Structures are given as structure tokens and as C-alpha cells.
PDB file of all heavy atoms in Angstrom:
ATOM      1  N   ASP A   1      -0.178  11.982   5.373  1.00  0.00           N
ATOM      2  CA  ASP A   1       0.766  10.930   5.760  1.00  0.00           C
ATOM      3  C   ASP A   1       0.597  10.536   7.218  1.00  0.00           C
ATOM      4  O   ASP A   1       0.654   9.357   7.557  1.00  0.00           O
ATOM      5  CB  ASP A   1       2.207  11.390   5.522  1.00  0.00           C
ATOM      6  CG  ASP A   1       2.564  11.452   4.047  1.00  0.00           C
ATOM      7  OD1 ASP A   1       1.887  10.770   3.260  1.00  0.00           O
ATOM      8  OD2 ASP A   1       3.516  12.172   3.703  1.00  0.00           O
ATOM      9  N   GLN A   2       0.382  11.508   8.081  1.00  0.00           N
ATOM     10  CA  GLN A   2       0.164  11.194   9.490  1.00  0.00           C
ATOM     11  C   GLN A   2      -1.120  10.390   9.686  1.00  0.00           C
ATOM     12  O   GLN A   2      -1.154   9.450  10.480  1.00  0.00           O
ATOM     13  CB  GLN A   2       0.083  12.475  10.314  1.00  0.00           C
ATOM     14  CG  GLN A   2       1.404  13.195  10.483  1.00  0.00           C
ATOM     15  CD  GLN A   2       1.213  14.543  11.168  1.00  0.00           C
ATOM     16  OE1 GLN A   2       0.177  15.186  11.003  1.00  0.00           O
ATOM     17  NE2 GLN A   2       2.214  14.953  11.934  1.00  0.00           N
ATOM     18  N   LEU A   3      -2.168  10.751   8.963  1.00  0.00           N
ATOM     19  CA  LEU A   3      -3.433  10.028   9.079  1.00  0.00           C
ATOM     20  C   LEU A   3      -3.304   8.587   8.603  1.00  0.00           C
ATOM     21  O   LEU A   3      -3.805   7.666   9.242  1.00  0.00           O
ATOM     22  CB  LEU A   3      -4.529  10.738   8.284  1.00  0.00           C
ATOM     23  CG  LEU A   3      -5.039  12.040   8.864  1.00  0.00           C
ATOM     24  CD1 LEU A   3      -6.017  12.695   7.904  1.00  0.00           C
ATOM     25  CD2 LEU A   3      -5.700  11.803  10.192  1.00  0.00           C
ATOM     26  N   THR A   4      -2.628   8.372   7.482  1.00  0.00           N
ATOM     27  CA  THR A   4      -2.470   7.009   6.991  1.00  0.00           C
ATOM     28  C   THR A   4      -1.563   6.195   7.907  1.00  0.00           C
ATOM     29  O   THR A   4      -1.784   4.993   8.081  1.00  0.00           O
ATOM     30  CB  THR A   4      -1.927   6.990   5.553  1.00  0.00           C
ATOM     31  OG1 THR A   4      -0.709   7.735   5.492  1.00  0.00           O
ATOM     32  CG2 THR A   4      -2.934   7.554   4.577  1.00  0.00           C
ATOM     33  N   ASP A   5      -0.558   6.823   8.495  1.00  0.00           N
ATOM     34  CA  ASP A   5       0.289   6.104   9.459  1.00  0.00           C
ATOM     35  C   ASP A   5      -0.516   5.634  10.661  1.00  0.00           C
ATOM     36  O   ASP A   5      -0.369   4.500  11.117  1.00  0.00           O
ATOM     37  CB  ASP A   5       1.449   6.983   9.922  1.00  0.00           C
ATOM     38  CG  ASP A   5       2.488   7.203   8.845  1.00  0.00           C
ATOM     39  OD1 ASP A   5       2.461   6.468   7.842  1.00  0.00           O
ATOM     40  OD2 ASP A   5       3.325   8.119   9.012  1.00  0.00           O
ATOM     41  N   MET A   6      -1.379   6.514  11.169  1.00  0.00           N
ATOM     42  CA  MET A   6      -2.230   6.127  12.306  1.00  0.00           C
ATOM     43  C   MET A   6      -3.203   5.025  11.915  1.00  0.00           C
ATOM     44  O   MET A   6      -3.461   4.103  12.691  1.00  0.00           O
ATOM     45  CB  MET A   6      -3.006   7.342  12.830  1.00  0.00           C
ATOM     46  CG  MET A   6      -2.162   8.338  13.589  1.00  0.00           C
ATOM     47  SD  MET A   6      -3.144   9.613  14.390  1.00  0.00           S
ATOM     48  CE  MET A   6      -3.748  10.545  13.002  1.00  0.00           C
ATOM     49  N   LEU A   7      -3.743   5.097  10.701  1.00  0.00           N
ATOM     50  CA  LEU A   7      -4.684   4.094  10.237  1.00  0.00           C
ATOM     51  C   LEU A   7      -4.028   2.723  10.113  1.00  0.00           C
ATOM     52  O   LEU A   7      -4.570   1.722  10.567  1.00  0.00           O
ATOM     53  CB  LEU A   7      -5.289   4.503   8.891  1.00  0.00           C
ATOM     54  CG  LEU A   7      -6.188   3.458   8.245  1.00  0.00           C
ATOM     55  CD1 LEU A   7      -7.508   3.402   8.977  1.00  0.00           C
ATOM     56  CD2 LEU A   7      -6.372   3.734   6.793  1.00  0.00           C
ATOM     57  N   VAL A   8      -2.853   2.681   9.515  1.00  0.00           N
ATOM     58  CA  VAL A   8      -2.152   1.408   9.357  1.00  0.00           C
ATOM     59  C   VAL A   8      -1.788   0.829  10.717  1.00  0.00           C
ATOM     60  O   VAL A   8      -1.945  -0.370  10.961  1.00  0.00           O
ATOM     61  CB  VAL A   8      -0.896   1.592   8.474  1.00  0.00           C
ATOM     62  CG1 VAL A   8       0.002   0.383   8.527  1.00  0.00           C
ATOM     63  CG2 VAL A   8      -1.309   1.886   7.045  1.00  0.00           C
ATOM     64  N   PHE A   9      -1.330   1.669  11.615  1.00  0.00           N
ATOM     65  CA  PHE A   9      -0.968   1.215  12.957  1.00  0.00           C
ATOM     66  C   PHE A   9      -2.172   0.576  13.652  1.00  0.00           C
ATOM     67  O   PHE A   9      -2.103  -0.555  14.147  1.00  0.00           O
ATOM     68  CB  PHE A   9      -0.436   2.399  13.764  1.00  0.00           C
ATOM     69  CG  PHE A   9      -0.047   2.060  15.168  1.00  0.00           C
ATOM     70  CD1 PHE A   9       1.148   1.432  15.435  1.00  0.00           C
ATOM     71  CD2 PHE A   9      -0.882   2.363  16.229  1.00  0.00           C
ATOM     72  CE1 PHE A   9       1.528   1.110  16.724  1.00  0.00           C
ATOM     73  CE2 PHE A   9      -0.541   2.052  17.526  1.00  0.00           C
ATOM     74  CZ  PHE A   9       0.676   1.427  17.770  1.00  0.00           C
ATOM     75  N   ALA A  10      -3.293   1.285  13.664  1.00  0.00           N
ATOM     76  CA  ALA A  10      -4.487   0.772  14.342  1.00  0.00           C
ATOM     77  C   ALA A  10      -5.045  -0.454  13.626  1.00  0.00           C
ATOM     78  O   ALA A  10      -5.480  -1.415  14.278  1.00  0.00           O
ATOM     79  CB  ALA A  10      -5.548   1.865  14.419  1.00  0.00           C
ATOM     80  N   SER A  11      -5.029  -0.460  12.313  1.00  0.00           N
ATOM     81  CA  SER A  11      -5.578  -1.591  11.563  1.00  0.00           C
ATOM     82  C   SER A  11      -4.831  -2.872  11.864  1.00  0.00           C
ATOM     83  O   SER A  11      -5.446  -3.924  12.064  1.00  0.00           O
ATOM     84  CB  SER A  11      -5.522  -1.309  10.065  1.00  0.00           C
ATOM     85  OG  SER A  11      -6.350  -0.236   9.734  1.00  0.00           O
ATOM     86  N   PHE A  12      -3.514  -2.811  11.888  1.00  0.00           N
ATOM     87  CA  PHE A  12      -2.754  -4.035  12.101  1.00  0.00           C
ATOM     88  C   PHE A  12      -2.837  -4.535  13.534  1.00  0.00           C
ATOM     89  O   PHE A  12      -2.651  -5.727  13.776  1.00  0.00           O
ATOM     90  CB  PHE A  12      -1.309  -3.864  11.637  1.00  0.00           C
ATOM     91  CG  PHE A  12      -1.156  -4.177  10.180  1.00  0.00           C
ATOM     92  CD1 PHE A  12      -1.257  -3.180   9.234  1.00  0.00           C
ATOM     93  CD2 PHE A  12      -0.970  -5.482   9.766  1.00  0.00           C
ATOM     94  CE1 PHE A  12      -1.153  -3.468   7.888  1.00  0.00           C
ATOM     95  CE2 PHE A  12      -0.863  -5.783   8.423  1.00  0.00           C
ATOM     96  CZ  PHE A  12      -0.957  -4.776   7.474  1.00  0.00           C
ATOM     97  N   ILE A  13      -3.146  -3.670  14.472  1.00  0.00           N
ATOM     98  CA  ILE A  13      -3.428  -4.154  15.829  1.00  0.00           C
ATOM     99  C   ILE A  13      -4.665  -5.044  15.795  1.00  0.00           C
ATOM    100  O   ILE A  13      -4.675  -6.149  16.342  1.00  0.00           O
ATOM    101  CB  ILE A  13      -3.626  -2.968  16.799  1.00  0.00           C
ATOM    102  CG1 ILE A  13      -2.301  -2.267  17.055  1.00  0.00           C
ATOM    103  CG2 ILE A  13      -4.236  -3.447  18.117  1.00  0.00           C
ATOM    104  CD1 ILE A  13      -2.422  -1.004  17.874  1.00  0.00           C
ATOM    105  N   PHE A  14      -5.708  -4.590  15.108  1.00  0.00           N
ATOM    106  CA  PHE A  14      -6.949  -5.355  15.060  1.00  0.00           C
ATOM    107  C   PHE A  14      -6.842  -6.562  14.137  1.00  0.00           C
ATOM    108  O   PHE A  14      -7.462  -7.597  14.396  1.00  0.00           O
ATOM    109  CB  PHE A  14      -8.113  -4.452  14.678  1.00  0.00           C
ATOM    110  CG  PHE A  14      -8.456  -3.476  15.763  1.00  0.00           C
ATOM    111  CD1 PHE A  14      -8.154  -2.136  15.636  1.00  0.00           C
ATOM    112  CD2 PHE A  14      -9.054  -3.918  16.926  1.00  0.00           C
ATOM    113  CE1 PHE A  14      -8.456  -1.241  16.649  1.00  0.00           C
ATOM    114  CE2 PHE A  14      -9.366  -3.035  17.956  1.00  0.00           C
ATOM    115  CZ  PHE A  14      -9.059  -1.697  17.807  1.00  0.00           C
ATOM    116  N   TYR A  15      -6.086  -6.474  13.040  1.00  0.00           N
ATOM    117  CA  TYR A  15      -5.870  -7.645  12.186  1.00  0.00           C
ATOM    118  C   TYR A  15      -5.175  -8.750  12.971  1.00  0.00           C
ATOM    119  O   TYR A  15      -5.550  -9.917  12.890  1.00  0.00           O
ATOM    120  CB  TYR A  15      -5.017  -7.296  10.967  1.00  0.00           C
ATOM    121  CG  TYR A  15      -5.652  -6.359   9.980  1.00  0.00           C
ATOM    122  CD1 TYR A  15      -4.864  -5.585   9.138  1.00  0.00           C
ATOM    123  CD2 TYR A  15      -7.035  -6.222   9.860  1.00  0.00           C
ATOM    124  CE1 TYR A  15      -5.421  -4.733   8.211  1.00  0.00           C
ATOM    125  CE2 TYR A  15      -7.597  -5.366   8.948  1.00  0.00           C
ATOM    126  CZ  TYR A  15      -6.785  -4.621   8.126  1.00  0.00           C
ATOM    127  OH  TYR A  15      -7.333  -3.772   7.211  1.00  0.00           O
ATOM    128  N   GLY A  16      -4.149  -8.376  13.712  1.00  0.00           N
ATOM    129  CA  GLY A  16      -3.434  -9.360  14.514  1.00  0.00           C
ATOM    130  C   GLY A  16      -4.308  -9.950  15.611  1.00  0.00           C
ATOM    131  O   GLY A  16      -4.268 -11.154  15.874  1.00  0.00           O
ATOM    132  N   ALA A  17      -5.118  -9.116  16.252  1.00  0.00           N
ATOM    133  CA  ALA A  17      -6.010  -9.609  17.303  1.00  0.00           C
ATOM    134  C   ALA A  17      -7.061 -10.556  16.733  1.00  0.00           C
ATOM    135  O   ALA A  17      -7.408 -11.569  17.360  1.00  0.00           O
ATOM    136  CB  ALA A  17      -6.694  -8.431  18.005  1.00  0.00           C
ATOM    137  N   THR A  18      -7.544 -10.271  15.539  1.00  0.00           N
ATOM    138  CA  THR A  18      -8.518 -11.159  14.897  1.00  0.00           C
ATOM    139  C   THR A  18      -7.890 -12.502  14.564  1.00  0.00           C
ATOM    140  O   THR A  18      -8.488 -13.558  14.789  1.00  0.00           O
ATOM    141  CB  THR A  18      -9.068 -10.499  13.621  1.00  0.00           C
ATOM    142  OG1 THR A  18      -9.648  -9.244  13.962  1.00  0.00           O
ATOM    143  CG2 THR A  18     -10.095 -11.382  12.946  1.00  0.00           C
ATOM    144  N   THR A  19      -6.676 -12.479  14.047  1.00  0.00           N
ATOM    145  CA  THR A  19      -5.988 -13.729  13.725  1.00  0.00           C
ATOM    146  C   THR A  19      -5.661 -14.506  14.990  1.00  0.00           C
ATOM    147  O   THR A  19      -5.758 -15.738  15.008  1.00  0.00           O
ATOM    148  CB  THR A  19      -4.702 -13.428  12.929  1.00  0.00           C
ATOM    149  OG1 THR A  19      -5.035 -12.588  11.820  1.00  0.00           O
ATOM    150  CG2 THR A  19      -4.068 -14.697  12.418  1.00  0.00           C
ATOM    151  N   LEU A  20      -5.304 -13.817  16.039  1.00  0.00           N
ATOM    152  CA  LEU A  20      -5.066 -14.478  17.319  1.00  0.00           C
ATOM    153  C   LEU A  20      -6.353 -15.136  17.827  1.00  0.00           C
ATOM    154  O   LEU A  20      -6.308 -16.205  18.447  1.00  0.00           O
ATOM    155  CB  LEU A  20      -4.535 -13.471  18.337  1.00  0.00           C
ATOM    156  CG  LEU A  20      -4.147 -14.018  19.705  1.00  0.00           C
ATOM    157  CD1 LEU A  20      -3.002 -15.015  19.567  1.00  0.00           C
ATOM    158  CD2 LEU A  20      -3.758 -12.878  20.621  1.00  0.00           C
ATOM    159  N   GLY A  21      -7.481 -14.523  17.525  1.00  0.00           N
ATOM    160  CA  GLY A  21      -8.766 -15.097  17.911  1.00  0.00           C
ATOM    161  C   GLY A  21      -9.008 -16.463  17.288  1.00  0.00           C
ATOM    162  O   GLY A  21      -9.693 -17.313  17.876  1.00  0.00           O
ATOM    163  N   VAL A  22      -8.449 -16.711  16.100  1.00  0.00           N
ATOM    164  CA  VAL A  22      -8.569 -18.030  15.477  1.00  0.00           C
ATOM    165  C   VAL A  22      -7.905 -19.081  16.358  1.00  0.00           C
ATOM    166  O   VAL A  22      -8.463 -20.149  16.603  1.00  0.00           O
ATOM    167  CB  VAL A  22      -7.942 -18.024  14.063  1.00  0.00           C
ATOM    168  CG1 VAL A  22      -7.862 -19.430  13.493  1.00  0.00           C
ATOM    169  CG2 VAL A  22      -8.726 -17.114  13.139  1.00  0.00           C
ATOM    170  N   PHE A  23      -6.713 -18.775  16.859  1.00  0.00           N
ATOM    171  CA  PHE A  23      -6.012 -19.717  17.731  1.00  0.00           C
ATOM    172  C   PHE A  23      -6.768 -19.922  19.043  1.00  0.00           C
ATOM    173  O   PHE A  23      -6.861 -21.043  19.539  1.00  0.00           O
ATOM    174  CB  PHE A  23      -4.590 -19.234  18.022  1.00  0.00           C
ATOM    175  CG  PHE A  23      -3.674 -19.357  16.839  1.00  0.00           C
ATOM    176  CD1 PHE A  23      -3.253 -18.230  16.146  1.00  0.00           C
ATOM    177  CD2 PHE A  23      -3.221 -20.587  16.432  1.00  0.00           C
ATOM    178  CE1 PHE A  23      -2.408 -18.332  15.074  1.00  0.00           C
ATOM    179  CE2 PHE A  23      -2.374 -20.718  15.354  1.00  0.00           C
ATOM    180  CZ  PHE A  23      -1.963 -19.585  14.664  1.00  0.00           C
ATOM    181  N   VAL A  24      -7.304 -18.834  19.601  1.00  0.00           N
ATOM    182  CA  VAL A  24      -8.038 -18.936  20.862  1.00  0.00           C
ATOM    183  C   VAL A  24      -9.269 -19.815  20.680  1.00  0.00           C
ATOM    184  O   VAL A  24      -9.561 -20.677  21.515  1.00  0.00           O
ATOM    185  CB  VAL A  24      -8.421 -17.529  21.386  1.00  0.00           C
ATOM    186  CG1 VAL A  24      -9.366 -17.620  22.566  1.00  0.00           C
ATOM    187  CG2 VAL A  24      -7.175 -16.746  21.757  1.00  0.00           C
ATOM    188  N   LEU A  25      -9.991 -19.618  19.585  1.00  0.00           N
ATOM    189  CA  LEU A  25     -11.176 -20.440  19.343  1.00  0.00           C
ATOM    190  C   LEU A  25     -10.817 -21.902  19.112  1.00  0.00           C
ATOM    191  O   LEU A  25     -11.564 -22.799  19.483  1.00  0.00           O
ATOM    192  CB  LEU A  25     -11.965 -19.890  18.157  1.00  0.00           C
ATOM    193  CG  LEU A  25     -12.763 -18.635  18.440  1.00  0.00           C
ATOM    194  CD1 LEU A  25     -13.427 -18.126  17.160  1.00  0.00           C
ATOM    195  CD2 LEU A  25     -13.814 -18.886  19.497  1.00  0.00           C
ATOM    196  N   ARG A  26      -9.667 -22.166  18.476  1.00  0.00           N
ATOM    197  CA  ARG A  26      -9.235 -23.558  18.273  1.00  0.00           C
ATOM    198  C   ARG A  26      -8.983 -24.255  19.601  1.00  0.00           C
ATOM    199  O   ARG A  26      -9.267 -25.434  19.749  1.00  0.00           O
ATOM    200  CB  ARG A  26      -7.958 -23.628  17.454  1.00  0.00           C
ATOM    201  CG  ARG A  26      -8.041 -23.043  16.105  1.00  0.00           C
ATOM    202  CD  ARG A  26      -8.989 -23.847  15.281  1.00  0.00           C
ATOM    203  NE  ARG A  26      -9.294 -23.070  14.110  1.00  0.00           N
ATOM    204  CZ  ARG A  26      -9.558 -23.575  12.956  1.00  0.00           C
ATOM    205  NH1 ARG A  26      -9.594 -24.860  12.815  1.00  0.00           N
ATOM    206  NH2 ARG A  26      -9.823 -22.812  11.949  1.00  0.00           N
ATOM    207  N   VAL A  27      -8.449 -23.513  20.558  1.00  0.00           N
ATOM    208  CA  VAL A  27      -8.170 -24.102  21.869  1.00  0.00           C
ATOM    209  C   VAL A  27      -9.468 -24.270  22.663  1.00  0.00           C
ATOM    210  O   VAL A  27      -9.691 -25.308  23.288  1.00  0.00           O
ATOM    211  CB  VAL A  27      -7.153 -23.231  22.643  1.00  0.00           C
ATOM    212  CG1 VAL A  27      -7.016 -23.696  24.074  1.00  0.00           C
ATOM    213  CG2 VAL A  27      -5.810 -23.237  21.936  1.00  0.00           C
TER     214      VAL A  27
END
């Protein structure tokens, strides 16, 4: 459970950063 919690936490940081990159590239 601790490992999956860490994985989800780290994954969503990078998912959000990737999606933010779409906006940055549009600008």
C-alpha cells in the first residue's frame, strides 16, 4: 500500500506536468 501510494503521487505530478506542457507549447 505504501509503494502504490508513492507511485500514484509521483505519477500524477508528471501527468499534470505533461498536460501543462500542452498549454506551454500552445503559447
